[in-house]
PDB file of N, CA and C in Angstrom:
ATOM      1  N   UNK A   1     -12.170  11.522  -4.847  1.00  0.00           N
ATOM      2  CA  UNK A   1     -11.629  10.563  -3.894  1.00  0.00           C
ATOM      3  C   UNK A   1     -12.117   9.145  -4.220  1.00  0.00           C
ATOM      4  N   UNK A   2     -13.416   9.005  -4.424  1.00  0.00           N
ATOM      5  CA  UNK A   2     -13.952   7.673  -4.722  1.00  0.00           C
ATOM      6  C   UNK A   2     -13.407   7.140  -6.041  1.00  0.00           C
ATOM      7  N   UNK A   3     -13.206   8.030  -7.014  1.00  0.00           N
ATOM      8  CA  UNK A   3     -12.672   7.597  -8.307  1.00  0.00           C
ATOM      9  C   UNK A   3     -11.271   7.026  -8.142  1.00  0.00           C
ATOM     10  N   UNK A   4     -10.451   7.681  -7.327  1.00  0.00           N
ATOM     11  CA  UNK A   4      -9.084   7.202  -7.109  1.00  0.00           C
ATOM     12  C   UNK A   4      -9.114   5.850  -6.407  1.00  0.00           C
ATOM     13  N   UNK A   5      -9.993   5.694  -5.425  1.00  0.00           N
ATOM     14  CA  UNK A   5     -10.100   4.401  -4.742  1.00  0.00           C
ATOM     15  C   UNK A   5     -10.565   3.313  -5.708  1.00  0.00           C
ATOM     16  N   UNK A   6     -11.475   3.659  -6.618  1.00  0.00           N
ATOM     17  CA  UNK A   6     -11.924   2.695  -7.631  1.00  0.00           C
ATOM     18  C   UNK A   6     -10.764   2.291  -8.541  1.00  0.00           C
ATOM     19  N   UNK A   7      -9.888   3.239  -8.865  1.00  0.00           N
ATOM     20  CA  UNK A   7      -8.721   2.939  -9.699  1.00  0.00           C
ATOM     21  C   UNK A   7      -7.762   1.997  -8.973  1.00  0.00           C
ATOM     22  N   UNK A   8      -7.613   2.185  -7.664  1.00  0.00           N
ATOM     23  CA  UNK A   8      -6.760   1.291  -6.873  1.00  0.00           C
ATOM     24  C   UNK A   8      -7.379  -0.110  -6.839  1.00  0.00           C
ATOM     25  N   UNK A   9      -8.690  -0.183  -6.660  1.00  0.00           N
ATOM     26  CA  UNK A   9      -9.384  -1.480  -6.664  1.00  0.00           C
ATOM     27  C   UNK A   9      -9.162  -2.191  -7.990  1.00  0.00           C
ATOM     28  N   UNK A  10      -9.238  -1.445  -9.086  1.00  0.00           N
ATOM     29  CA  UNK A  10      -9.040  -2.037 -10.415  1.00  0.00           C
ATOM     30  C   UNK A  10      -7.637  -2.625 -10.561  1.00  0.00           C
ATOM     31  N   UNK A  11      -6.641  -1.982  -9.953  1.00  0.00           N
ATOM     32  CA  UNK A  11      -5.274  -2.512  -9.999  1.00  0.00           C
ATOM     33  C   UNK A  11      -5.156  -3.820  -9.224  1.00  0.00           C
ATOM     34  N   UNK A  12      -5.954  -3.962  -8.171  1.00  0.00           N
ATOM     35  CA  UNK A  12      -5.874  -5.146  -7.313  1.00  0.00           C
ATOM     36  C   UNK A  12      -6.705  -6.318  -7.826  1.00  0.00           C
ATOM     37  N   UNK A  13      -7.645  -6.064  -8.727  1.00  0.00           N
ATOM     38  CA  UNK A  13      -8.547  -7.137  -9.194  1.00  0.00           C
ATOM     39  C   UNK A  13      -7.806  -8.319  -9.786  1.00  0.00           C
ATOM     40  N   UNK A  14      -6.946  -8.118 -10.790  1.00  0.00           N
ATOM     41  CA  UNK A  14      -6.210  -9.310 -11.237  1.00  0.00           C
ATOM     42  C   UNK A  14      -5.255  -9.719 -10.116  1.00  0.00           C
ATOM     43  N   UNK A  15      -5.199 -10.972  -9.826  1.00  0.00           N
ATOM     44  CA  UNK A  15      -4.356 -11.416  -8.714  1.00  0.00           C
ATOM     45  C   UNK A  15      -2.904 -11.606  -9.122  1.00  0.00           C
ATOM     46  N   UNK A  16      -2.515 -10.985 -10.216  1.00  0.00           N
ATOM     47  CA  UNK A  16      -1.119 -11.052 -10.657  1.00  0.00           C
ATOM     48  C   UNK A  16      -0.235 -10.271  -9.693  1.00  0.00           C
ATOM     49  N   UNK A  17       1.040 -10.501  -9.800  1.00  0.00           N
ATOM     50  CA  UNK A  17       1.993  -9.730  -9.008  1.00  0.00           C
ATOM     51  C   UNK A  17       1.960  -8.292  -9.500  1.00  0.00           C
ATOM     52  N   UNK A  18       1.901  -7.355  -8.572  1.00  0.00           N
ATOM     53  CA  UNK A  18       1.920  -5.940  -8.941  1.00  0.00           C
ATOM     54  C   UNK A  18       3.288  -5.588  -9.515  1.00  0.00           C
ATOM     55  N   UNK A  19       3.295  -4.879 -10.625  1.00  0.00           N
ATOM     56  CA  UNK A  19       4.562  -4.447 -11.217  1.00  0.00           C
ATOM     57  C   UNK A  19       5.075  -3.225 -10.466  1.00  0.00           C
ATOM     58  N   UNK A  20       6.338  -2.899 -10.672  1.00  0.00           N
ATOM     59  CA  UNK A  20       6.899  -1.695 -10.058  1.00  0.00           C
ATOM     60  C   UNK A  20       6.118  -0.459 -10.487  1.00  0.00           C
ATOM     61  N   UNK A  21       5.724  -0.403 -11.760  1.00  0.00           N
ATOM     62  CA  UNK A  21       4.941   0.738 -12.250  1.00  0.00           C
ATOM     63  C   UNK A  21       3.596   0.832 -11.535  1.00  0.00           C
ATOM     64  N   UNK A  22       2.951  -0.303 -11.299  1.00  0.00           N
ATOM     65  CA  UNK A  22       1.668  -0.293 -10.592  1.00  0.00           C
ATOM     66  C   UNK A  22       1.845   0.143  -9.138  1.00  0.00           C
ATOM     67  N   UNK A  23       2.923  -0.305  -8.512  1.00  0.00           N
ATOM     68  CA  UNK A  23       3.196   0.106  -7.130  1.00  0.00           C
ATOM     69  C   UNK A  23       3.401   1.616  -7.075  1.00  0.00           C
ATOM     70  N   UNK A  24       4.144   2.160  -8.025  1.00  0.00           N
ATOM     71  CA  UNK A  24       4.365   3.610  -8.054  1.00  0.00           C
ATOM     72  C   UNK A  24       3.063   4.356  -8.348  1.00  0.00           C
ATOM     73  N   UNK A  25       2.222   3.789  -9.190  1.00  0.00           N
ATOM     74  CA  UNK A  25       0.924   4.406  -9.489  1.00  0.00           C
ATOM     75  C   UNK A  25       0.083   4.504  -8.213  1.00  0.00           C
ATOM     76  N   UNK A  26       0.055   3.427  -7.432  1.00  0.00           N
ATOM     77  CA  UNK A  26      -0.672   3.430  -6.161  1.00  0.00           C
ATOM     78  C   UNK A  26      -0.048   4.445  -5.203  1.00  0.00           C
ATOM     79  N   UNK A  27       1.273   4.486  -5.156  1.00  0.00           N
ATOM     80  CA  UNK A  27       2.008   5.424  -4.309  1.00  0.00           C
ATOM     81  C   UNK A  27       1.524   6.855  -4.570  1.00  0.00           C
ATOM     82  N   UNK A  28       1.452   7.238  -5.848  1.00  0.00           N
ATOM     83  CA  UNK A  28       1.041   8.595  -6.206  1.00  0.00           C
ATOM     84  C   UNK A  28      -0.457   8.817  -5.998  1.00  0.00           C
ATOM     85  N   UNK A  29      -1.274   7.798  -6.215  1.00  0.00           N
ATOM     86  CA  UNK A  29      -2.717   7.934  -6.002  1.00  0.00           C
ATOM     87  C   UNK A  29      -3.019   8.172  -4.520  1.00  0.00           C
ATOM     88  N   UNK A  30      -2.361   7.418  -3.650  1.00  0.00           N
ATOM     89  CA  UNK A  30      -2.572   7.608  -2.211  1.00  0.00           C
ATOM     90  C   UNK A  30      -2.098   8.998  -1.802  1.00  0.00           C
ATOM     91  N   UNK A  31      -0.963   9.422  -2.342  1.00  0.00           N
ATOM     92  CA  UNK A  31      -0.466  10.772  -2.062  1.00  0.00           C
ATOM     93  C   UNK A  31      -1.428  11.848  -2.530  1.00  0.00           C
ATOM     94  N   UNK A  32      -2.069  11.631  -3.676  1.00  0.00           N
ATOM     95  CA  UNK A  32      -3.005  12.636  -4.197  1.00  0.00           C
ATOM     96  C   UNK A  32      -4.240  12.774  -3.307  1.00  0.00           C
ATOM     97  N   UNK A  33      -4.512  11.756  -2.505  1.00  0.00           N
ATOM     98  CA  UNK A  33      -5.616  11.816  -1.543  1.00  0.00           C
ATOM     99  C   UNK A  33      -5.182  12.472  -0.233  1.00  0.00           C
ATOM    100  N   UNK A  34      -3.904  12.840  -0.144  1.00  0.00           N
ATOM    101  CA  UNK A  34      -3.390  13.475   1.062  1.00  0.00           C
ATOM    102  C   UNK A  34      -2.914  12.488   2.109  1.00  0.00           C
ATOM    103  N   UNK A  35      -2.870  11.210   1.754  1.00  0.00           N
ATOM    104  CA  UNK A  35      -2.413  10.196   2.697  1.00  0.00           C
ATOM    105  C   UNK A  35      -0.957   9.832   2.404  1.00  0.00           C
ATOM    106  N   UNK A  36      -0.356   9.074   3.292  1.00  0.00           N
ATOM    107  CA  UNK A  36       1.079   8.782   3.234  1.00  0.00           C
ATOM    108  C   UNK A  36       1.282   7.286   3.019  1.00  0.00           C
ATOM    109  N   UNK A  37       2.107   6.937   2.028  1.00  0.00           N
ATOM    110  CA  UNK A  37       2.419   5.544   1.693  1.00  0.00           C
ATOM    111  C   UNK A  37       3.923   5.374   1.855  1.00  0.00           C
ATOM    112  N   UNK A  38       4.331   4.507   2.773  1.00  0.00           N
ATOM    113  CA  UNK A  38       5.754   4.268   3.032  1.00  0.00           C
ATOM    114  C   UNK A  38       6.063   2.810   2.710  1.00  0.00           C
ATOM    115  N   UNK A  39       7.107   2.616   1.935  1.00  0.00           N
ATOM    116  CA  UNK A  39       7.581   1.277   1.584  1.00  0.00           C
ATOM    117  C   UNK A  39       9.044   1.210   1.994  1.00  0.00           C
ATOM    118  N   UNK A  40       9.378   0.245   2.858  1.00  0.00           N
ATOM    119  CA  UNK A  40      10.738   0.167   3.392  1.00  0.00           C
ATOM    120  C   UNK A  40      11.315  -1.220   3.169  1.00  0.00           C
ATOM    121  N   UNK A  41      12.574  -1.252   2.779  1.00  0.00           N
ATOM    122  CA  UNK A  41      13.318  -2.506   2.652  1.00  0.00           C
ATOM    123  C   UNK A  41      14.400  -2.479   3.719  1.00  0.00           C
ATOM    124  N   UNK A  42      14.272  -3.358   4.696  1.00  0.00           N
ATOM    125  CA  UNK A  42      15.257  -3.439   5.773  1.00  0.00           C
ATOM    126  C   UNK A  42      16.030  -4.736   5.591  1.00  0.00           C
ATOM    127  N   UNK A  43      16.885  -4.754   4.583  1.00  0.00           N
ATOM    128  CA  UNK A  43      17.616  -5.958   4.205  1.00  0.00           C
ATOM    129  C   UNK A  43      18.508  -6.529   5.289  1.00  0.00           C
ATOM    130  N   UNK A  44      18.770  -5.749   6.334  1.00  0.00           N
ATOM    131  CA  UNK A  44      19.627  -6.250   7.409  1.00  0.00           C
ATOM    132  C   UNK A  44      18.913  -7.330   8.214  1.00  0.00           C
ATOM    133  N   UNK A  45      17.600  -7.216   8.268  1.00  0.00           N
ATOM    134  CA  UNK A  45      16.818  -8.231   8.983  1.00  0.00           C
ATOM    135  C   UNK A  45      16.820  -9.522   8.183  1.00  0.00           C
ATOM    136  N   UNK A  46      16.841 -10.630   8.859  1.00  0.00           N
ATOM    137  CA  UNK A  46      16.784 -11.916   8.173  1.00  0.00           C
ATOM    138  C   UNK A  46      15.365 -12.327   7.830  1.00  0.00           C
ATOM    139  N   UNK A  47      14.404 -11.728   8.497  1.00  0.00           N
ATOM    140  CA  UNK A  47      12.997 -12.077   8.314  1.00  0.00           C
ATOM    141  C   UNK A  47      12.181 -10.784   8.286  1.00  0.00           C
ATOM    142  N   UNK A  48      11.065 -10.808   7.559  1.00  0.00           N
ATOM    143  CA  UNK A  48      10.210  -9.616   7.452  1.00  0.00           C
ATOM    144  C   UNK A  48      10.993  -8.400   6.971  1.00  0.00           C
ATOM    145  N   UNK A  49      11.658  -8.559   5.837  1.00  0.00           N
ATOM    146  CA  UNK A  49      12.546  -7.494   5.349  1.00  0.00           C
ATOM    147  C   UNK A  49      11.797  -6.301   4.766  1.00  0.00           C
ATOM    148  N   UNK A  50      10.515  -6.464   4.430  1.00  0.00           N
ATOM    149  CA  UNK A  50       9.745  -5.347   3.870  1.00  0.00           C
ATOM    150  C   UNK A  50       8.722  -4.845   4.877  1.00  0.00           C
ATOM    151  N   UNK A  51       8.498  -3.539   4.857  1.00  0.00           N
ATOM    152  CA  UNK A  51       7.459  -2.918   5.666  1.00  0.00           C
ATOM    153  C   UNK A  51       6.666  -1.976   4.777  1.00  0.00           C
ATOM    154  N   UNK A  52       5.350  -2.051   4.876  1.00  0.00           N
ATOM    155  CA  UNK A  52       4.458  -1.117   4.193  1.00  0.00           C
ATOM    156  C   UNK A  52       3.636  -0.422   5.271  1.00  0.00           C
ATOM    157  N   UNK A  53       3.597   0.913   5.207  1.00  0.00           N
ATOM    158  CA  UNK A  53       2.794   1.703   6.137  1.00  0.00           C
ATOM    159  C   UNK A  53       1.957   2.675   5.319  1.00  0.00           C
ATOM    160  N   UNK A  54       0.685   2.759   5.631  1.00  0.00           N
ATOM    161  CA  UNK A  54      -0.182   3.781   5.047  1.00  0.00           C
ATOM    162  C   UNK A  54      -0.786   4.546   6.213  1.00  0.00           C
ATOM    163  N   UNK A  55      -0.592   5.873   6.198  1.00  0.00           N
ATOM    164  CA  UNK A  55      -1.091   6.727   7.274  1.00  0.00           C
ATOM    165  C   UNK A  55      -1.957   7.834   6.696  1.00  0.00           C
ATOM    166  N   UNK A  56      -2.888   8.279   7.502  1.00  0.00           N
ATOM    167  CA  UNK A  56      -3.728   9.406   7.112  1.00  0.00           C
ATOM    168  C   UNK A  56      -3.085  10.688   7.607  1.00  0.00           C
ATOM    169  N   UNK A  57      -2.940  11.650   6.724  1.00  0.00           N
ATOM    170  CA  UNK A  57      -2.388  12.938   7.152  1.00  0.00           C
ATOM    171  C   UNK A  57      -3.442  13.746   7.907  1.00  0.00           C
ATOM    172  N   UNK A  58      -4.701  13.298   7.841  1.00  0.00           N
ATOM    173  CA  UNK A  58      -5.801  14.022   8.482  1.00  0.00           C
ATOM    174  C   UNK A  58      -6.335  13.293   9.715  1.00  0.00           C
ATOM    175  N   UNK A  59      -5.720  12.182  10.079  1.00  0.00           N
ATOM    176  CA  UNK A  59      -6.187  11.408  11.230  1.00  0.00           C
ATOM    177  C   UNK A  59      -7.501  10.685  10.971  1.00  0.00           C
ATOM    178  N   UNK A  60      -7.816  10.444   9.697  1.00  0.00           N
ATOM    179  CA  UNK A  60      -9.087   9.809   9.335  1.00  0.00           C
ATOM    180  C   UNK A  60      -9.132   8.326   9.701  1.00  0.00           C
ATOM    181  N   UNK A  61      -7.968   7.699   9.848  1.00  0.00           N
ATOM    182  CA  UNK A  61      -7.917   6.282  10.210  1.00  0.00           C
ATOM    183  C   UNK A  61      -6.590   6.000  10.902  1.00  0.00           C
ATOM    184  N   UNK A  62      -6.538   4.890  11.649  1.00  0.00           N
ATOM    185  CA  UNK A  62      -5.292   4.475  12.290  1.00  0.00           C
ATOM    186  C   UNK A  62      -4.307   4.035  11.216  1.00  0.00           C
ATOM    187  N   UNK A  63      -3.030   4.194  11.495  1.00  0.00           N
ATOM    188  CA  UNK A  63      -2.011   3.756  10.538  1.00  0.00           C
ATOM    189  C   UNK A  63      -2.157   2.269  10.254  1.00  0.00           C
ATOM    190  N   UNK A  64      -1.899   1.922   9.015  1.00  0.00           N
ATOM    191  CA  UNK A  64      -1.954   0.535   8.558  1.00  0.00           C
ATOM    192  C   UNK A  64      -0.514   0.096   8.349  1.00  0.00           C
ATOM    193  N   UNK A  65      -0.136  -1.037   8.924  1.00  0.00           N
ATOM    194  CA  UNK A  65       1.248  -1.502   8.793  1.00  0.00           C
ATOM    195  C   UNK A  65       1.284  -3.013   8.613  1.00  0.00           C
ATOM    196  N   UNK A  66       2.101  -3.433   7.659  1.00  0.00           N
ATOM    197  CA  UNK A  66       2.351  -4.856   7.452  1.00  0.00           C
ATOM    198  C   UNK A  66       3.841  -5.065   7.222  1.00  0.00           C
ATOM    199  N   UNK A  67       4.378  -6.115   7.836  1.00  0.00           N
ATOM    200  CA  UNK A  67       5.763  -6.526   7.632  1.00  0.00           C
ATOM    201  C   UNK A  67       5.742  -7.917   7.019  1.00  0.00           C
ATOM    202  N   UNK A  68       6.715  -8.201   6.161  1.00  0.00           N
ATOM    203  CA  UNK A  68       6.782  -9.537   5.582  1.00  0.00           C
ATOM    204  C   UNK A  68       7.912  -9.680   4.593  1.00  0.00           C
ATOM    205  N   UNK A  69       8.030 -10.877   4.058  1.00  0.00           N
ATOM    206  CA  UNK A  69       9.078 -11.174   3.082  1.00  0.00           C
ATOM    207  C   UNK A  69       8.573 -11.124   1.648  1.00  0.00           C
ATOM    208  N   UNK A  70       7.259 -11.152   1.458  1.00  0.00           N
ATOM    209  CA  UNK A  70       6.677 -11.092   0.119  1.00  0.00           C
ATOM    210  C   UNK A  70       6.045  -9.715  -0.062  1.00  0.00           C
ATOM    211  N   UNK A  71       6.738  -8.864  -0.782  1.00  0.00           N
ATOM    212  CA  UNK A  71       6.310  -7.479  -0.961  1.00  0.00           C
ATOM    213  C   UNK A  71       4.909  -7.393  -1.554  1.00  0.00           C
ATOM    214  N   UNK A  72       4.628  -8.203  -2.549  1.00  0.00           N
ATOM    215  CA  UNK A  72       3.317  -8.164  -3.197  1.00  0.00           C
ATOM    216  C   UNK A  72       2.196  -8.470  -2.199  1.00  0.00           C
ATOM    217  N   UNK A  73       2.411  -9.448  -1.346  1.00  0.00           N
ATOM    218  CA  UNK A  73       1.392  -9.841  -0.364  1.00  0.00           C
ATOM    219  C   UNK A  73       1.127  -8.714   0.621  1.00  0.00           C
ATOM    220  N   UNK A  74       2.168  -8.111   1.163  1.00  0.00           N
ATOM    221  CA  UNK A  74       1.931  -7.087   2.188  1.00  0.00           C
ATOM    222  C   UNK A  74       1.387  -5.790   1.585  1.00  0.00           C
ATOM    223  N   UNK A  75       1.764  -5.469   0.347  1.00  0.00           N
ATOM    224  CA  UNK A  75       1.176  -4.291  -0.301  1.00  0.00           C
ATOM    225  C   UNK A  75      -0.319  -4.525  -0.515  1.00  0.00           C
ATOM    226  N   UNK A  76      -0.680  -5.704  -1.003  1.00  0.00           N
ATOM    227  CA  UNK A  76      -2.098  -6.010  -1.220  1.00  0.00           C
ATOM    228  C   UNK A  76      -2.887  -5.972   0.098  1.00  0.00           C
ATOM    229  N   UNK A  77      -2.324  -6.531   1.169  1.00  0.00           N
ATOM    230  CA  UNK A  77      -3.004  -6.502   2.469  1.00  0.00           C
ATOM    231  C   UNK A  77      -3.216  -5.066   2.934  1.00  0.00           C
ATOM    232  N   UNK A  78      -2.163  -4.253   2.823  1.00  0.00           N
ATOM    233  CA  UNK A  78      -2.254  -2.859   3.255  1.00  0.00           C
ATOM    234  C   UNK A  78      -3.280  -2.093   2.423  1.00  0.00           C
ATOM    235  N   UNK A  79      -3.270  -2.302   1.111  1.00  0.00           N
ATOM    236  CA  UNK A  79      -4.215  -1.596   0.242  1.00  0.00           C
ATOM    237  C   UNK A  79      -5.651  -2.035   0.502  1.00  0.00           C
ATOM    238  N   UNK A  80      -5.866  -3.316   0.718  1.00  0.00           N
ATOM    239  CA  UNK A  80      -7.223  -3.786   1.025  1.00  0.00           C
ATOM    240  C   UNK A  80      -7.738  -3.160   2.318  1.00  0.00           C
ATOM    241  N   UNK A  81      -6.885  -3.097   3.332  1.00  0.00           N
ATOM    242  CA  UNK A  81      -7.297  -2.473   4.592  1.00  0.00           C
ATOM    243  C   UNK A  81      -7.528  -0.970   4.395  1.00  0.00           C
ATOM    244  N   UNK A  82      -6.671  -0.340   3.605  1.00  0.00           N
ATOM    245  CA  UNK A  82      -6.811   1.092   3.308  1.00  0.00           C
ATOM    246  C   UNK A  82      -8.151   1.372   2.626  1.00  0.00           C
ATOM    247  N   UNK A  83      -8.508   0.546   1.670  1.00  0.00           N
ATOM    248  CA  UNK A  83      -9.759   0.747   0.936  1.00  0.00           C
ATOM    249  C   UNK A  83     -10.981   0.537   1.822  1.00  0.00           C
ATOM    250  N   UNK A  84     -10.833  -0.247   2.885  1.00  0.00           N
ATOM    251  CA  UNK A  84     -11.936  -0.476   3.824  1.00  0.00           C
ATOM    252  C   UNK A  84     -12.046   0.631   4.867  1.00  0.00           C
ATOM    253  N   UNK A  85     -11.002   1.444   5.001  1.00  0.00           N
ATOM    254  CA  UNK A  85     -11.013   2.489   6.045  1.00  0.00           C
ATOM    255  C   UNK A  85     -11.832   3.693   5.646  1.00  0.00           C
TER     256      UNK A  85
END
């Protein structure tokens, strides 16, 4: 578990925009820990078109949710909060 979290931290260290491959890598890493990573595009909304939710399947922490227009920013916010939980 700690190794996977360290791998996620390593992905976040460079402040570059996360690539689609990196986002998918995080998606699978969180899943391998038994947690749930949801990424939603609600293009019908004019504002806050993206939603990121990370939930614990074991109730280990409250769900983490961020809405926004910059996908990279809200994924990073959600992952930082996830790593602190």
